[in-house]
């Protein structure tokens, strides 16, 4: 049993999914502070990003969707790459 499964078994699905939401909210708050208030909060951004990544892994475990998420992400990255290529062509940029 991995750490995500253990957390779900110990604390339960609903509380852990609420924790996912809480962690995403905390990251959102830190991003807003950084952009809107020009706050130098890189340490907080690192901490909250790590928390969100952990909780997203737990969410994928909870719903048994890890492979599906990875597949969708791969497809989405291909689309983004195409859009970036089109952007570069339209704006005269050369790809890095």
N, C-alpha and C. Protein backbone atom coordinates (compact mmCIF):
# COMPACT_ATOMS: atom_id res chain seq x y z
N UNK A 1 0.86 -1.18 0.00
CA UNK A 1 0.00 0.00 0.00
C UNK A 1 0.91 1.24 0.00
N UNK A 2 0.67 2.15 -0.95
CA UNK A 2 1.50 3.35 -1.02
C UNK A 2 1.00 4.42 -0.05
N UNK A 3 1.74 5.49 0.05
CA UNK A 3 1.42 6.55 1.02
C UNK A 3 0.06 7.19 0.74
N UNK A 4 -0.30 7.33 -0.54
CA UNK A 4 -1.59 7.93 -0.90
C UNK A 4 -2.74 7.02 -0.47
N UNK A 5 -2.59 5.72 -0.73
CA UNK A 5 -3.60 4.76 -0.30
C UNK A 5 -3.72 4.73 1.22
N UNK A 6 -2.58 4.81 1.89
CA UNK A 6 -2.61 4.83 3.36
C UNK A 6 -3.33 6.06 3.89
N UNK A 7 -3.07 7.20 3.29
CA UNK A 7 -3.74 8.43 3.74
C UNK A 7 -5.24 8.33 3.52
N UNK A 8 -5.65 7.82 2.36
CA UNK A 8 -7.07 7.67 2.08
C UNK A 8 -7.73 6.69 3.05
N UNK A 9 -7.04 5.59 3.34
CA UNK A 9 -7.58 4.60 4.26
C UNK A 9 -7.67 5.17 5.68
N UNK A 10 -6.65 5.93 6.08
CA UNK A 10 -6.59 6.46 7.44
C UNK A 10 -7.59 7.59 7.66
N UNK A 11 -7.61 8.55 6.73
CA UNK A 11 -8.42 9.76 6.94
C UNK A 11 -9.71 9.80 6.15
N UNK A 12 -9.86 8.92 5.17
CA UNK A 12 -11.10 8.83 4.41
C UNK A 12 -11.09 9.67 3.14
N UNK A 13 -11.90 9.23 2.19
CA UNK A 13 -11.96 9.87 0.87
C UNK A 13 -12.43 11.32 0.97
N UNK A 14 -13.56 11.55 1.58
CA UNK A 14 -14.13 12.90 1.59
C UNK A 14 -13.21 13.92 2.27
N UNK A 15 -12.69 13.62 3.47
CA UNK A 15 -11.78 14.60 4.08
C UNK A 15 -10.53 14.85 3.24
N UNK A 16 -10.02 13.84 2.58
CA UNK A 16 -8.82 14.03 1.77
C UNK A 16 -9.12 14.81 0.49
N UNK A 17 -10.30 14.61 -0.08
CA UNK A 17 -10.66 15.37 -1.27
C UNK A 17 -10.92 16.84 -0.90
N UNK A 18 -11.44 17.07 0.29
CA UNK A 18 -11.57 18.45 0.78
C UNK A 18 -10.19 19.07 1.01
N UNK A 19 -9.25 18.24 1.44
CA UNK A 19 -7.87 18.72 1.62
C UNK A 19 -7.25 19.12 0.29
N UNK A 20 -7.59 18.39 -0.78
CA UNK A 20 -7.12 18.76 -2.12
C UNK A 20 -7.56 20.18 -2.42
N UNK A 21 -8.83 20.46 -2.19
CA UNK A 21 -9.40 21.78 -2.47
C UNK A 21 -8.71 22.84 -1.62
N UNK A 22 -8.49 22.54 -0.35
CA UNK A 22 -7.83 23.50 0.54
C UNK A 22 -6.41 23.82 0.06
N UNK A 23 -5.67 22.80 -0.32
CA UNK A 23 -4.30 23.03 -0.78
C UNK A 23 -4.27 23.83 -2.08
N UNK A 24 -5.20 23.55 -2.99
CA UNK A 24 -5.26 24.32 -4.23
C UNK A 24 -5.60 25.78 -3.94
N UNK A 25 -6.46 25.99 -2.97
CA UNK A 25 -6.82 27.35 -2.57
C UNK A 25 -5.62 28.09 -2.00
N UNK A 26 -4.83 27.41 -1.19
CA UNK A 26 -3.64 28.04 -0.62
C UNK A 26 -2.62 28.40 -1.69
N UNK A 27 -2.47 27.54 -2.69
CA UNK A 27 -1.57 27.86 -3.80
C UNK A 27 -2.10 29.05 -4.58
N UNK A 28 -3.39 29.06 -4.84
CA UNK A 28 -4.01 30.19 -5.54
C UNK A 28 -3.74 31.49 -4.81
N UNK A 29 -3.90 31.47 -3.50
CA UNK A 29 -3.67 32.67 -2.68
C UNK A 29 -2.23 33.15 -2.81
N UNK A 30 -1.28 32.24 -2.79
CA UNK A 30 0.13 32.64 -2.90
C UNK A 30 0.47 33.17 -4.28
N UNK A 31 -0.12 32.59 -5.33
CA UNK A 31 0.10 33.10 -6.68
C UNK A 31 -0.44 34.52 -6.79
N UNK A 32 -1.64 34.74 -6.25
CA UNK A 32 -2.23 36.08 -6.29
C UNK A 32 -1.38 37.09 -5.52
N UNK A 33 -0.86 36.68 -4.38
CA UNK A 33 0.02 37.59 -3.62
C UNK A 33 1.24 37.96 -4.45
N UNK A 34 1.79 36.97 -5.13
CA UNK A 34 3.00 37.19 -5.92
C UNK A 34 2.73 38.15 -7.08
N UNK A 35 1.62 37.97 -7.75
CA UNK A 35 1.32 38.79 -8.93
C UNK A 35 0.70 40.14 -8.54
N UNK A 36 -0.35 40.11 -7.75
CA UNK A 36 -1.08 41.35 -7.44
C UNK A 36 -0.33 42.26 -6.48
N UNK A 37 0.31 41.67 -5.50
CA UNK A 37 0.99 42.47 -4.48
C UNK A 37 2.49 42.55 -4.68
N UNK A 38 2.97 41.88 -5.73
CA UNK A 38 4.41 41.84 -6.02
C UNK A 38 5.21 41.30 -4.83
N UNK A 39 4.61 40.38 -4.11
CA UNK A 39 5.25 39.81 -2.92
C UNK A 39 6.33 38.80 -3.32
N UNK A 40 7.46 38.87 -2.65
CA UNK A 40 8.53 37.90 -2.87
C UNK A 40 8.25 36.69 -1.98
N UNK A 41 7.47 35.76 -2.50
CA UNK A 41 7.02 34.62 -1.70
C UNK A 41 7.34 33.29 -2.38
N UNK A 42 8.53 33.21 -2.95
CA UNK A 42 8.91 31.99 -3.66
C UNK A 42 8.90 30.78 -2.72
N UNK A 43 9.33 30.95 -1.50
CA UNK A 43 9.33 29.82 -0.55
C UNK A 43 7.90 29.29 -0.34
N UNK A 44 6.95 30.20 -0.22
CA UNK A 44 5.55 29.80 -0.05
C UNK A 44 5.01 29.14 -1.32
N UNK A 45 5.42 29.66 -2.48
CA UNK A 45 4.99 29.04 -3.74
C UNK A 45 5.53 27.62 -3.86
N UNK A 46 6.77 27.42 -3.44
CA UNK A 46 7.36 26.07 -3.46
C UNK A 46 6.57 25.15 -2.55
N UNK A 47 6.34 25.60 -1.33
CA UNK A 47 5.62 24.77 -0.34
C UNK A 47 4.22 24.41 -0.83
N UNK A 48 3.48 25.40 -1.29
CA UNK A 48 2.10 25.14 -1.70
C UNK A 48 2.03 24.33 -2.98
N UNK A 49 2.98 24.52 -3.89
CA UNK A 49 3.02 23.70 -5.11
C UNK A 49 3.27 22.25 -4.74
N UNK A 50 4.19 22.00 -3.83
CA UNK A 50 4.47 20.63 -3.39
C UNK A 50 3.22 20.01 -2.75
N UNK A 51 2.54 20.79 -1.90
CA UNK A 51 1.33 20.29 -1.26
C UNK A 51 0.26 19.92 -2.29
N UNK A 52 0.09 20.79 -3.29
CA UNK A 52 -0.91 20.53 -4.32
C UNK A 52 -0.53 19.29 -5.13
N UNK A 53 0.73 19.17 -5.50
CA UNK A 53 1.15 17.99 -6.26
C UNK A 53 0.91 16.71 -5.48
N UNK A 54 1.19 16.72 -4.19
CA UNK A 54 0.94 15.55 -3.34
C UNK A 54 -0.55 15.22 -3.32
N UNK A 55 -1.36 16.25 -3.13
CA UNK A 55 -2.80 16.01 -3.03
C UNK A 55 -3.40 15.61 -4.38
N UNK A 56 -2.87 16.13 -5.48
CA UNK A 56 -3.36 15.70 -6.79
C UNK A 56 -3.01 14.23 -7.04
N UNK A 57 -1.85 13.81 -6.58
CA UNK A 57 -1.51 12.39 -6.68
C UNK A 57 -2.46 11.55 -5.86
N UNK A 58 -2.83 12.05 -4.71
CA UNK A 58 -3.79 11.34 -3.87
C UNK A 58 -5.17 11.29 -4.53
N UNK A 59 -5.57 12.38 -5.18
CA UNK A 59 -6.84 12.42 -5.89
C UNK A 59 -6.86 11.36 -7.00
N UNK A 60 -5.76 11.29 -7.77
CA UNK A 60 -5.69 10.29 -8.84
C UNK A 60 -5.77 8.88 -8.27
N UNK A 61 -5.13 8.67 -7.14
CA UNK A 61 -5.19 7.37 -6.47
C UNK A 61 -6.62 7.08 -6.01
N UNK A 62 -7.25 8.06 -5.42
CA UNK A 62 -8.60 7.91 -4.87
C UNK A 62 -9.59 7.46 -5.94
N UNK A 63 -9.49 8.06 -7.11
CA UNK A 63 -10.42 7.76 -8.20
C UNK A 63 -9.86 6.76 -9.21
N UNK A 64 -8.65 6.27 -8.93
CA UNK A 64 -8.00 5.29 -9.81
C UNK A 64 -7.95 5.80 -11.26
N UNK A 65 -7.42 7.02 -11.42
CA UNK A 65 -7.41 7.66 -12.74
C UNK A 65 -6.00 8.09 -13.18
N UNK A 66 -4.98 7.55 -12.55
CA UNK A 66 -3.62 7.98 -12.86
C UNK A 66 -3.29 7.82 -14.34
N UNK A 67 -3.55 6.66 -14.90
CA UNK A 67 -3.22 6.43 -16.31
C UNK A 67 -4.03 7.34 -17.22
N UNK A 68 -5.31 7.49 -16.95
CA UNK A 68 -6.15 8.33 -17.79
C UNK A 68 -5.69 9.79 -17.76
N UNK A 69 -5.30 10.26 -16.58
CA UNK A 69 -4.81 11.64 -16.47
C UNK A 69 -3.51 11.80 -17.26
N UNK A 70 -2.61 10.85 -17.14
CA UNK A 70 -1.34 10.92 -17.87
C UNK A 70 -1.58 10.88 -19.38
N UNK A 71 -2.50 10.04 -19.83
CA UNK A 71 -2.82 9.97 -21.26
C UNK A 71 -3.40 11.29 -21.75
N UNK A 72 -4.34 11.85 -21.00
CA UNK A 72 -4.96 13.12 -21.39
C UNK A 72 -3.92 14.24 -21.38
N UNK A 73 -3.07 14.23 -20.38
CA UNK A 73 -2.03 15.25 -20.28
C UNK A 73 -1.09 15.19 -21.47
N UNK A 74 -0.72 13.99 -21.90
CA UNK A 74 0.15 13.83 -23.06
C UNK A 74 -0.51 14.39 -24.31
N UNK A 75 -1.80 14.10 -24.49
CA UNK A 75 -2.53 14.63 -25.64
C UNK A 75 -2.61 16.16 -25.57
N UNK A 76 -2.86 16.67 -24.40
CA UNK A 76 -2.99 18.12 -24.20
C UNK A 76 -1.66 18.82 -24.49
N UNK A 77 -0.55 18.23 -24.08
CA UNK A 77 0.76 18.83 -24.34
C UNK A 77 1.07 18.87 -25.84
N UNK A 78 0.61 17.87 -26.58
CA UNK A 78 0.78 17.88 -28.04
C UNK A 78 0.00 19.06 -28.63
N UNK A 79 -1.23 19.27 -28.17
CA UNK A 79 -2.04 20.40 -28.64
C UNK A 79 -1.38 21.74 -28.30
N UNK A 80 -0.85 21.83 -27.10
CA UNK A 80 -0.19 23.08 -26.68
C UNK A 80 1.04 23.33 -27.56
N UNK A 81 1.80 22.29 -27.83
CA UNK A 81 2.99 22.44 -28.68
C UNK A 81 2.60 22.94 -30.07
N UNK A 82 1.51 22.41 -30.62
CA UNK A 82 1.03 22.86 -31.93
C UNK A 82 0.61 24.32 -31.88
N UNK A 83 -0.10 24.71 -30.84
CA UNK A 83 -0.52 26.11 -30.69
C UNK A 83 0.68 27.03 -30.57
N UNK A 84 1.70 26.60 -29.85
CA UNK A 84 2.92 27.40 -29.72
C UNK A 84 3.63 27.53 -31.06
N UNK A 85 3.67 26.45 -31.81
CA UNK A 85 4.29 26.51 -33.14
C UNK A 85 3.54 27.49 -34.04
N UNK A 86 2.21 27.43 -33.99
CA UNK A 86 1.39 28.37 -34.78
C UNK A 86 1.64 29.81 -34.33
N UNK A 87 1.70 30.01 -33.03
CA UNK A 87 1.97 31.35 -32.48
C UNK A 87 3.31 31.88 -33.00
N UNK A 88 4.32 31.03 -32.93
CA UNK A 88 5.65 31.43 -33.39
C UNK A 88 5.64 31.81 -34.87
N UNK A 89 4.93 31.04 -35.68
CA UNK A 89 4.84 31.34 -37.11
C UNK A 89 4.14 32.68 -37.35
N UNK A 90 3.04 32.90 -36.64
CA UNK A 90 2.26 34.12 -36.80
C UNK A 90 3.01 35.37 -36.32
N UNK A 91 3.87 35.18 -35.33
CA UNK A 91 4.56 36.32 -34.71
C UNK A 91 6.04 36.39 -35.08
N UNK A 92 6.44 35.57 -36.03
CA UNK A 92 7.82 35.62 -36.50
C UNK A 92 8.85 35.17 -35.49
N UNK A 93 8.42 34.39 -34.51
CA UNK A 93 9.37 33.87 -33.52
C UNK A 93 9.95 32.55 -34.01
N UNK A 94 11.16 32.31 -33.63
CA UNK A 94 11.76 31.01 -33.94
C UNK A 94 11.69 30.15 -32.69
N UNK A 95 11.35 28.91 -32.88
CA UNK A 95 11.23 27.99 -31.73
C UNK A 95 12.59 27.79 -31.09
N UNK A 96 12.56 27.64 -29.78
CA UNK A 96 13.81 27.47 -29.03
C UNK A 96 14.39 26.11 -29.25
